[in-house]
Amino acid sequence: MPTYQYACKECDHRFEAVQSFSDPSLTVCPQCSGVLRKVFSSVGVVFKGSGFYRTDSRDSSKSSTASAPAKTETKTESKSDTSSASSSSTTTKTAAAAS
């Protein structure tokens, strides 16, 4: 059962109450019979390690194809021998850099 924190708007009395999710919120201060408000604070839970993110359970090949469209490689043929020789050397350098 969760623990809720309350504070009185009139006398600033602060206390905690253990209540079920289905229980109604407290509205009356036990000390001065004033109006209560719930106090919200940050949650003290920290998730460490793998398995807590949506992408942790996915296969890497599936997530890359689902998130980004596939790129197609196009080759252009050149008419001169010098430009085809330079483009083939560029292709070889690119292939070597990729691996």
PDB file of N, CA and C in Angstrom:
ATOM      1  N   MET A   1       0.851  -1.185   0.000  1.00  0.00           N
ATOM      2  CA  MET A   1       0.000   0.000   0.000  1.00  0.00           C
ATOM      3  C   MET A   1       0.892   1.242   0.000  1.00  0.00           C
ATOM      4  N   PRO A   2       0.539   2.219  -0.814  1.00  0.00           N
ATOM      5  CA  PRO A   2       1.367   3.419  -0.914  1.00  0.00           C
ATOM      6  C   PRO A   2       1.218   4.349   0.292  1.00  0.00           C
ATOM      7  N   THR A   3       2.257   5.140   0.492  1.00  0.00           N
ATOM      8  CA  THR A   3       2.262   6.145   1.555  1.00  0.00           C
ATOM      9  C   THR A   3       2.124   7.517   0.905  1.00  0.00           C
ATOM     10  N   TYR A   4       1.146   8.290   1.360  1.00  0.00           N
ATOM     11  CA  TYR A   4       0.896   9.626   0.820  1.00  0.00           C
ATOM     12  C   TYR A   4       1.299  10.671   1.842  1.00  0.00           C
ATOM     13  N   GLN A   5       1.802  11.790   1.374  1.00  0.00           N
ATOM     14  CA  GLN A   5       2.166  12.902   2.243  1.00  0.00           C
ATOM     15  C   GLN A   5       1.106  13.988   2.118  1.00  0.00           C
ATOM     16  N   TYR A   6       0.717  14.535   3.262  1.00  0.00           N
ATOM     17  CA  TYR A   6      -0.294  15.594   3.306  1.00  0.00           C
ATOM     18  C   TYR A   6       0.270  16.789   4.060  1.00  0.00           C
ATOM     19  N   ALA A   7      -0.238  17.974   3.734  1.00  0.00           N
ATOM     20  CA  ALA A   7       0.115  19.204   4.443  1.00  0.00           C
ATOM     21  C   ALA A   7      -1.147  20.039   4.603  1.00  0.00           C
ATOM     22  N   CYS A   8      -1.299  20.617   5.769  1.00  0.00           N
ATOM     23  CA  CYS A   8      -2.455  21.464   6.040  1.00  0.00           C
ATOM     24  C   CYS A   8      -2.207  22.847   5.446  1.00  0.00           C
ATOM     25  N   LYS A   9      -3.211  23.405   4.808  1.00  0.00           N
ATOM     26  CA  LYS A   9      -3.088  24.734   4.204  1.00  0.00           C
ATOM     27  C   LYS A   9      -3.124  25.834   5.258  1.00  0.00           C
ATOM     28  N   GLU A  10      -3.698  25.559   6.422  1.00  0.00           N
ATOM     29  CA  GLU A  10      -3.851  26.593   7.445  1.00  0.00           C
ATOM     30  C   GLU A  10      -2.726  26.565   8.481  1.00  0.00           C
ATOM     31  N   CYS A  11      -2.442  25.398   9.076  1.00  0.00           N
ATOM     32  CA  CYS A  11      -1.434  25.342  10.142  1.00  0.00           C
ATOM     33  C   CYS A  11      -0.101  24.758   9.675  1.00  0.00           C
ATOM     34  N   ASP A  12      -0.013  24.336   8.429  1.00  0.00           N
ATOM     35  CA  ASP A  12       1.185  23.768   7.822  1.00  0.00           C
ATOM     36  C   ASP A  12       1.661  22.488   8.519  1.00  0.00           C
ATOM     37  N   HIS A  13       0.740  21.771   9.138  1.00  0.00           N
ATOM     38  CA  HIS A  13       1.050  20.474   9.745  1.00  0.00           C
ATOM     39  C   HIS A  13       1.272  19.470   8.614  1.00  0.00           C
ATOM     40  N   ARG A  14       2.390  18.724   8.689  1.00  0.00           N
ATOM     41  CA  ARG A  14       2.720  17.751   7.653  1.00  0.00           C
ATOM     42  C   ARG A  14       2.757  16.359   8.268  1.00  0.00           C
ATOM     43  N   PHE A  15       2.184  15.390   7.536  1.00  0.00           N
ATOM     44  CA  PHE A  15       2.184  14.008   8.001  1.00  0.00           C
ATOM     45  C   PHE A  15       2.034  13.067   6.818  1.00  0.00           C
ATOM     46  N   GLU A  16       2.261  11.774   7.106  1.00  0.00           N
ATOM     47  CA  GLU A  16       2.136  10.746   6.083  1.00  0.00           C
ATOM     48  C   GLU A  16       0.989   9.812   6.455  1.00  0.00           C
ATOM     49  N   ALA A  17       0.315   9.292   5.447  1.00  0.00           N
ATOM     50  CA  ALA A  17      -0.779   8.356   5.672  1.00  0.00           C
ATOM     51  C   ALA A  17      -0.641   7.190   4.691  1.00  0.00           C
ATOM     52  N   VAL A  18      -0.767   5.974   5.227  1.00  0.00           N
ATOM     53  CA  VAL A  18      -0.732   4.781   4.391  1.00  0.00           C
ATOM     54  C   VAL A  18      -2.166   4.480   3.982  1.00  0.00           C
ATOM     55  N   GLN A  19      -2.400   4.541   2.661  1.00  0.00           N
ATOM     56  CA  GLN A  19      -3.752   4.355   2.138  1.00  0.00           C
ATOM     57  C   GLN A  19      -3.724   3.439   0.929  1.00  0.00           C
ATOM     58  N   SER A  20      -4.840   2.804   0.665  1.00  0.00           N
ATOM     59  CA  SER A  20      -4.996   2.003  -0.536  1.00  0.00           C
ATOM     60  C   SER A  20      -5.271   2.932  -1.713  1.00  0.00           C
ATOM     61  N   PHE A  21      -5.078   2.407  -2.912  1.00  0.00           N
ATOM     62  CA  PHE A  21      -5.365   3.213  -4.100  1.00  0.00           C
ATOM     63  C   PHE A  21      -6.842   3.577  -4.180  1.00  0.00           C
ATOM     64  N   SER A  22      -7.683   2.721  -3.673  1.00  0.00           N
ATOM     65  CA  SER A  22      -9.125   2.958  -3.762  1.00  0.00           C
ATOM     66  C   SER A  22      -9.655   3.857  -2.642  1.00  0.00           C
ATOM     67  N   ASP A  23      -8.854   4.120  -1.606  1.00  0.00           N
ATOM     68  CA  ASP A  23      -9.298   4.999  -0.515  1.00  0.00           C
ATOM     69  C   ASP A  23      -9.380   6.440  -0.992  1.00  0.00           C
ATOM     70  N   PRO A  24     -10.374   7.192  -0.502  1.00  0.00           N
ATOM     71  CA  PRO A  24     -10.445   8.615  -0.873  1.00  0.00           C
ATOM     72  C   PRO A  24      -9.337   9.418  -0.171  1.00  0.00           C
ATOM     73  N   SER A  25      -8.944  10.525  -0.774  1.00  0.00           N
ATOM     74  CA  SER A  25      -7.914  11.378  -0.184  1.00  0.00           C
ATOM     75  C   SER A  25      -8.421  12.012   1.097  1.00  0.00           C
ATOM     76  N   LEU A  26      -7.488  12.248   2.039  1.00  0.00           N
ATOM     77  CA  LEU A  26      -7.860  12.930   3.273  1.00  0.00           C
ATOM     78  C   LEU A  26      -8.078  14.410   2.978  1.00  0.00           C
ATOM     79  N   THR A  27      -9.052  15.010   3.658  1.00  0.00           N
ATOM     80  CA  THR A  27      -9.377  16.415   3.391  1.00  0.00           C
ATOM     81  C   THR A  27      -9.352  17.287   4.639  1.00  0.00           C
ATOM     82  N   VAL A  28      -9.338  16.672   5.833  1.00  0.00           N
ATOM     83  CA  VAL A  28      -9.419  17.437   7.080  1.00  0.00           C
ATOM     84  C   VAL A  28      -8.165  17.194   7.904  1.00  0.00           C
ATOM     85  N   CYS A  29      -7.535  18.276   8.364  1.00  0.00           N
ATOM     86  CA  CYS A  29      -6.332  18.197   9.187  1.00  0.00           C
ATOM     87  C   CYS A  29      -6.685  17.621  10.560  1.00  0.00           C
ATOM     88  N   PRO A  30      -5.912  16.651  11.063  1.00  0.00           N
ATOM     89  CA  PRO A  30      -6.209  16.076  12.382  1.00  0.00           C
ATOM     90  C   PRO A  30      -5.910  17.029  13.537  1.00  0.00           C
ATOM     91  N   GLN A  31      -5.102  18.070  13.330  1.00  0.00           N
ATOM     92  CA  GLN A  31      -4.761  19.001  14.410  1.00  0.00           C
ATOM     93  C   GLN A  31      -5.705  20.192  14.487  1.00  0.00           C
ATOM     94  N   CYS A  32      -5.949  20.862  13.341  1.00  0.00           N
ATOM     95  CA  CYS A  32      -6.729  22.097  13.394  1.00  0.00           C
ATOM     96  C   CYS A  32      -8.037  22.027  12.608  1.00  0.00           C
ATOM     97  N   SER A  33      -8.340  20.891  12.021  1.00  0.00           N
ATOM     98  CA  SER A  33      -9.531  20.694  11.186  1.00  0.00           C
ATOM     99  C   SER A  33      -9.534  21.580   9.939  1.00  0.00           C
ATOM    100  N   GLY A  34      -8.346  21.970   9.480  1.00  0.00           N
ATOM    101  CA  GLY A  34      -8.221  22.781   8.275  1.00  0.00           C
ATOM    102  C   GLY A  34      -8.222  21.903   7.022  1.00  0.00           C
ATOM    103  N   VAL A  35      -8.076  22.545   5.889  1.00  0.00           N
ATOM    104  CA  VAL A  35      -8.096  21.858   4.603  1.00  0.00           C
ATOM    105  C   VAL A  35      -6.705  21.276   4.317  1.00  0.00           C
ATOM    106  N   LEU A  36      -6.666  20.014   3.877  1.00  0.00           N
ATOM    107  CA  LEU A  36      -5.409  19.350   3.551  1.00  0.00           C
ATOM    108  C   LEU A  36      -5.150  19.376   2.052  1.00  0.00           C
ATOM    109  N   ARG A  37      -3.874  19.257   1.709  1.00  0.00           N
ATOM    110  CA  ARG A  37      -3.475  19.103   0.318  1.00  0.00           C
ATOM    111  C   ARG A  37      -2.424  17.999   0.269  1.00  0.00           C
ATOM    112  N   LYS A  38      -2.393  17.271  -0.867  1.00  0.00           N
ATOM    113  CA  LYS A  38      -1.381  16.239  -1.049  1.00  0.00           C
ATOM    114  C   LYS A  38      -0.058  16.890  -1.433  1.00  0.00           C
ATOM    115  N   VAL A  39       1.028  16.351  -0.894  1.00  0.00           N
ATOM    116  CA  VAL A  39       2.364  16.828  -1.210  1.00  0.00           C
ATOM    117  C   VAL A  39       2.995  15.818  -2.162  1.00  0.00           C
ATOM    118  N   PHE A  40       3.420  16.288  -3.326  1.00  0.00           N
ATOM    119  CA  PHE A  40       4.046  15.427  -4.311  1.00  0.00           C
ATOM    120  C   PHE A  40       5.537  15.698  -4.324  1.00  0.00           C
ATOM    121  N   SER A  41       6.315  14.639  -4.304  1.00  0.00           N
ATOM    122  CA  SER A  41       7.770  14.774  -4.345  1.00  0.00           C
ATOM    123  C   SER A  41       8.331  13.817  -5.388  1.00  0.00           C
ATOM    124  N   SER A  42       9.616  13.943  -5.651  1.00  0.00           N
ATOM    125  CA  SER A  42      10.241  13.088  -6.665  1.00  0.00           C
ATOM    126  C   SER A  42      10.301  11.645  -6.171  1.00  0.00           C
ATOM    127  N   VAL A  43      10.272  10.746  -7.108  1.00  0.00           N
ATOM    128  CA  VAL A  43      10.283   9.333  -6.792  1.00  0.00           C
ATOM    129  C   VAL A  43      11.716   8.887  -6.540  1.00  0.00           C
ATOM    130  N   GLY A  44      11.939   8.087  -5.544  1.00  0.00           N
ATOM    131  CA  GLY A  44      13.275   7.632  -5.178  1.00  0.00           C
ATOM    132  C   GLY A  44      13.664   6.327  -5.810  1.00  0.00           C
ATOM    133  N   VAL A  45      13.267   6.086  -7.058  1.00  0.00           N
ATOM    134  CA  VAL A  45      13.596   4.844  -7.742  1.00  0.00           C
ATOM    135  C   VAL A  45      14.521   5.168  -8.906  1.00  0.00           C
ATOM    136  N   VAL A  46      15.615   4.425  -9.013  1.00  0.00           N
ATOM    137  CA  VAL A  46      16.552   4.606 -10.112  1.00  0.00           C
ATOM    138  C   VAL A  46      16.737   3.257 -10.788  1.00  0.00           C
ATOM    139  N   PHE A  47      16.503   3.203 -12.098  1.00  0.00           N
ATOM    140  CA  PHE A  47      16.669   1.971 -12.858  1.00  0.00           C
ATOM    141  C   PHE A  47      18.055   1.968 -13.482  1.00  0.00           C
ATOM    142  N   LYS A  48      18.888   1.014 -13.079  1.00  0.00           N
ATOM    143  CA  LYS A  48      20.251   0.917 -13.602  1.00  0.00           C
ATOM    144  C   LYS A  48      20.396  -0.365 -14.397  1.00  0.00           C
ATOM    145  N   GLY A  49      21.263  -0.331 -15.381  1.00  0.00           N
ATOM    146  CA  GLY A  49      21.534  -1.516 -16.182  1.00  0.00           C
ATOM    147  C   GLY A  49      20.699  -1.548 -17.445  1.00  0.00           C
ATOM    148  N   SER A  50      20.834  -2.648 -18.168  1.00  0.00           N
ATOM    149  CA  SER A  50      20.104  -2.773 -19.419  1.00  0.00           C
ATOM    150  C   SER A  50      18.751  -3.423 -19.179  1.00  0.00           C
ATOM    151  N   GLY A  51      17.853  -3.264 -20.130  1.00  0.00           N
ATOM    152  CA  GLY A  51      16.544  -3.893 -20.052  1.00  0.00           C
ATOM    153  C   GLY A  51      15.423  -2.964 -19.631  1.00  0.00           C
ATOM    154  N   PHE A  52      15.706  -1.707 -19.343  1.00  0.00           N
ATOM    155  CA  PHE A  52      14.680  -0.793 -18.875  1.00  0.00           C
ATOM    156  C   PHE A  52      14.188   0.158 -19.956  1.00  0.00           C
ATOM    157  N   TYR A  53      14.846   0.156 -21.099  1.00  0.00           N
ATOM    158  CA  TYR A  53      14.446   1.049 -22.163  1.00  0.00           C
ATOM    159  C   TYR A  53      13.750   0.263 -23.265  1.00  0.00           C
ATOM    160  N   ARG A  54      12.924   0.906 -24.016  1.00  0.00           N
ATOM    161  CA  ARG A  54      12.132   0.279 -25.065  1.00  0.00           C
ATOM    162  C   ARG A  54      13.015  -0.375 -26.125  1.00  0.00           C
ATOM    163  N   THR A  55      14.164   0.206 -26.380  1.00  0.00           N
ATOM    164  CA  THR A  55      15.038  -0.302 -27.422  1.00  0.00           C
ATOM    165  C   THR A  55      15.945  -1.426 -26.946  1.00  0.00           C
ATOM    166  N   ASP A  56      16.011  -1.711 -25.659  1.00  0.00           N
ATOM    167  CA  ASP A  56      16.901  -2.750 -25.147  1.00  0.00           C
ATOM    168  C   ASP A  56      16.469  -4.150 -25.568  1.00  0.00           C
ATOM    169  N   SER A  57      15.195  -4.378 -25.751  1.00  0.00           N
ATOM    170  CA  SER A  57      14.722  -5.721 -26.070  1.00  0.00           C
ATOM    171  C   SER A  57      14.620  -5.977 -27.565  1.00  0.00           C
ATOM    172  N   ARG A  58      14.957  -5.017 -28.355  1.00  0.00           N
ATOM    173  CA  ARG A  58      14.850  -5.160 -29.802  1.00  0.00           C
ATOM    174  C   ARG A  58      16.160  -5.645 -30.400  1.00  0.00           C
ATOM    175  N   ASP A  59      16.037  -6.346 -31.519  1.00  0.00           N
ATOM    176  CA  ASP A  59      17.200  -6.762 -32.282  1.00  0.00           C
ATOM    177  C   ASP A  59      17.742  -5.541 -33.011  1.00  0.00           C
ATOM    178  N   SER A  60      19.046  -5.393 -33.065  1.00  0.00           N
ATOM    179  CA  SER A  60      19.629  -4.185 -33.667  1.00  0.00           C
ATOM    180  C   SER A  60      19.291  -4.063 -35.148  1.00  0.00           C
ATOM    181  N   SER A  61      19.170  -5.182 -35.874  1.00  0.00           N
ATOM    182  CA  SER A  61      18.845  -5.088 -37.296  1.00  0.00           C
ATOM    183  C   SER A  61      17.398  -4.663 -37.504  1.00  0.00           C
ATOM    184  N   LYS A  62      16.505  -5.071 -36.605  1.00  0.00           N
ATOM    185  CA  LYS A  62      15.105  -4.687 -36.738  1.00  0.00           C
ATOM    186  C   LYS A  62      14.891  -3.222 -36.399  1.00  0.00           C
ATOM    187  N   SER A  63      15.587  -2.727 -35.372  1.00  0.00           N
ATOM    188  CA  SER A  63      15.366  -1.346 -34.972  1.00  0.00           C
ATOM    189  C   SER A  63      15.921  -0.368 -35.993  1.00  0.00           C
ATOM    190  N   SER A  64      17.007  -0.729 -36.689  1.00  0.00           N
ATOM    191  CA  SER A  64      17.552   0.205 -37.669  1.00  0.00           C
ATOM    192  C   SER A  64      16.671   0.286 -38.904  1.00  0.00           C
ATOM    193  N   THR A  65      16.050  -0.826 -39.288  1.00  0.00           N
ATOM    194  CA  THR A  65      15.190  -0.782 -40.471  1.00  0.00           C
ATOM    195  C   THR A  65      13.845  -0.164 -40.141  1.00  0.00           C
ATOM    196  N   ALA A  66      13.401  -0.294 -38.912  1.00  0.00           N
ATOM    197  CA  ALA A  66      12.103   0.266 -38.547  1.00  0.00           C
ATOM    198  C   ALA A  66      12.186   1.774 -38.350  1.00  0.00           C
ATOM    199  N   SER A  67      13.318   2.254 -37.843  1.00  0.00           N
ATOM    200  CA  SER A  67      13.403   3.673 -37.534  1.00  0.00           C
ATOM    201  C   SER A  67      13.848   4.519 -38.720  1.00  0.00           C
ATOM    202  N   ALA A  68      14.655   3.951 -39.627  1.00  0.00           N
ATOM    203  CA  ALA A  68      15.151   4.735 -40.756  1.00  0.00           C
ATOM    204  C   ALA A  68      14.910   3.964 -42.046  1.00  0.00           C
ATOM    205  N   PRO A  69      14.495   4.657 -43.107  1.00  0.00           N
ATOM    206  CA  PRO A  69      14.291   3.957 -44.375  1.00  0.00           C
ATOM    207  C   PRO A  69      15.625   3.451 -44.920  1.00  0.00           C
ATOM    208  N   ALA A  70      15.573   2.357 -45.642  1.00  0.00           N
ATOM    209  CA  ALA A  70      16.792   1.756 -46.185  1.00  0.00           C
ATOM    210  C   ALA A  70      17.372   2.650 -47.273  1.00  0.00           C
ATOM    211  N   LYS A  71      18.691   2.776 -47.261  1.00  0.00           N
ATOM    212  CA  LYS A  71      19.369   3.597 -48.257  1.00  0.00           C
ATOM    213  C   LYS A  71      19.783   2.694 -49.409  1.00  0.00           C
ATOM    214  N   THR A  72      19.547   3.179 -50.612  1.00  0.00           N
ATOM    215  CA  THR A  72      19.954   2.412 -51.786  1.00  0.00           C
ATOM    216  C   THR A  72      21.196   3.048 -52.372  1.00  0.00           C
ATOM    217  N   GLU A  73      22.096   2.182 -52.826  1.00  0.00           N
ATOM    218  CA  GLU A  73      23.342   2.673 -53.398  1.00  0.00           C
ATOM    219  C   GLU A  73      23.212   2.682 -54.913  1.00  0.00           C
ATOM    220  N   THR A  74      23.516   3.798 -55.530  1.00  0.00           N
ATOM    221  CA  THR A  74      23.452   3.897 -56.989  1.00  0.00           C
ATOM    222  C   THR A  74      24.844   4.147 -57.521  1.00  0.00           C
ATOM    223  N   LYS A  75      25.139   3.529 -58.655  1.00  0.00           N
ATOM    224  CA  LYS A  75      26.440   3.719 -59.291  1.00  0.00           C
ATOM    225  C   LYS A  75      26.221   4.417 -60.625  1.00  0.00           C
ATOM    226  N   THR A  76      27.084   5.342 -60.909  1.00  0.00           N
ATOM    227  CA  THR A  76      27.018   6.029 -62.193  1.00  0.00           C
ATOM    228  C   THR A  76      28.230   5.636 -63.021  1.00  0.00           C
ATOM    229  N   GLU A  77      28.002   5.416 -64.282  1.00  0.00           N
ATOM    230  CA  GLU A  77      29.102   5.062 -65.178  1.00  0.00           C
ATOM    231  C   GLU A  77      29.621   6.329 -65.845  1.00  0.00           C
ATOM    232  N   SER A  78      30.923   6.440 -65.902  1.00  0.00           N
ATOM    233  CA  SER A  78      31.510   7.603 -66.555  1.00  0.00           C
ATOM    234  C   SER A  78      32.070   7.183 -67.908  1.00  0.00           C
ATOM    235  N   LYS A  79      32.178   8.136 -68.817  1.00  0.00           N
ATOM    236  CA  LYS A  79      32.620   7.832 -70.179  1.00  0.00           C
ATOM    237  C   LYS A  79      34.143   7.865 -70.305  1.00  0.00           C
ATOM    238  N   SER A  80      34.816   8.613 -69.472  1.00  0.00           N
ATOM    239  CA  SER A  80      36.272   8.699 -69.601  1.00  0.00           C
ATOM    240  C   SER A  80      36.945   7.708 -68.663  1.00  0.00           C
ATOM    241  N   ASP A  81      38.081   7.199 -69.079  1.00  0.00           N
ATOM    242  CA  ASP A  81      38.815   6.218 -68.291  1.00  0.00           C
ATOM    243  C   ASP A  81      39.390   6.832 -67.023  1.00  0.00           C
ATOM    244  N   THR A  82      39.803   8.098 -67.073  1.00  0.00           N
ATOM    245  CA  THR A  82      40.426   8.730 -65.917  1.00  0.00           C
ATOM    246  C   THR A  82      39.417   8.927 -64.784  1.00  0.00           C
ATOM    247  N   SER A  83      38.194   9.308 -65.128  1.00  0.00           N
ATOM    248  CA  SER A  83      37.209   9.517 -64.056  1.00  0.00           C
ATOM    249  C   SER A  83      36.751   8.191 -63.476  1.00  0.00           C
ATOM    250  N   SER A  84      36.676   7.115 -64.295  1.00  0.00           N
ATOM    251  CA  SER A  84      36.286   5.815 -63.755  1.00  0.00           C
ATOM    252  C   SER A  84      37.391   5.255 -62.883  1.00  0.00           C
ATOM    253  N   ALA A  85      38.643   5.541 -63.246  1.00  0.00           N
ATOM    254  CA  ALA A  85      39.756   5.076 -62.415  1.00  0.00           C
ATOM    255  C   ALA A  85      39.756   5.806 -61.082  1.00  0.00           C
ATOM    256  N   SER A  86      39.469   7.103 -61.102  1.00  0.00           N
ATOM    257  CA  SER A  86      39.447   7.847 -59.843  1.00  0.00           C
ATOM    258  C   SER A  86      38.240   7.465 -58.998  1.00  0.00           C
ATOM    259  N   SER A  87      37.098   7.181 -59.638  1.00  0.00           N
ATOM    260  CA  SER A  87      35.928   6.790 -58.862  1.00  0.00           C
ATOM    261  C   SER A  87      36.105   5.400 -58.276  1.00  0.00           C
ATOM    262  N   SER A  88      36.802   4.491 -58.999  1.00  0.00           N
ATOM    263  CA  SER A  88      37.037   3.167 -58.443  1.00  0.00           C
ATOM    264  C   SER A  88      38.000   3.236 -57.279  1.00  0.00           C
ATOM    265  N   SER A  89      38.998   4.135 -57.336  1.00  0.00           N
ATOM    266  CA  SER A  89      39.901   4.274 -56.194  1.00  0.00           C
ATOM    267  C   SER A  89      39.167   4.897 -55.018  1.00  0.00           C
ATOM    268  N   THR A  90      38.233   5.806 -55.291  1.00  0.00           N
ATOM    269  CA  THR A  90      37.416   6.389 -54.222  1.00  0.00           C
ATOM    270  C   THR A  90      36.529   5.323 -53.600  1.00  0.00           C
ATOM    271  N   THR A  91      35.951   4.462 -54.441  1.00  0.00           N
ATOM    272  CA  THR A  91      35.116   3.380 -53.938  1.00  0.00           C
ATOM    273  C   THR A  91      35.939   2.427 -53.081  1.00  0.00           C
ATOM    274  N   THR A  92      37.157   2.135 -53.496  1.00  0.00           N
ATOM    275  CA  THR A  92      38.018   1.256 -52.706  1.00  0.00           C
ATOM    276  C   THR A  92      38.368   1.884 -51.375  1.00  0.00           C
ATOM    277  N   LYS A  93      38.662   3.181 -51.360  1.00  0.00           N
ATOM    278  CA  LYS A  93      38.972   3.872 -50.106  1.00  0.00           C
ATOM    279  C   LYS A  93      37.747   3.896 -49.208  1.00  0.00           C
ATOM    280  N   THR A  94      36.563   4.137 -49.760  1.00  0.00           N
ATOM    281  CA  THR A  94      35.330   4.181 -48.979  1.00  0.00           C
ATOM    282  C   THR A  94      35.032   2.808 -48.387  1.00  0.00           C
ATOM    283  N   ALA A  95      35.206   1.757 -49.194  1.00  0.00           N
ATOM    284  CA  ALA A  95      34.948   0.402 -48.715  1.00  0.00           C
ATOM    285  C   ALA A  95      35.946   0.040 -47.608  1.00  0.00           C
ATOM    286  N   ALA A  96      37.194   0.454 -47.745  1.00  0.00           N
ATOM    287  CA  ALA A  96      38.199   0.173 -46.722  1.00  0.00           C
ATOM    288  C   ALA A  96      37.886   0.936 -45.439  1.00  0.00           C
ATOM    289  N   ALA A  97      37.389   2.166 -45.563  1.00  0.00           N
ATOM    290  CA  ALA A  97      37.061   2.967 -44.388  1.00  0.00           C
ATOM    291  C   ALA A  97      35.829   2.415 -43.683  1.00  0.00           C
ATOM    292  N   ALA A  98      34.886   1.849 -44.444  1.00  0.00           N
ATOM    293  CA  ALA A  98      33.663   1.311 -43.849  1.00  0.00           C
ATOM    294  C   ALA A  98      33.939   0.057 -43.051  1.00  0.00           C
ATOM    295  N   SER A  99      34.939  -0.736 -43.444  1.00  0.00           N
ATOM    296  CA  SER A  99      35.227  -1.971 -42.714  1.00  0.00           C
ATOM    297  C   SER A  99      36.316  -1.747 -41.729  1.00  0.00           C
TER     298      SER A  99
END
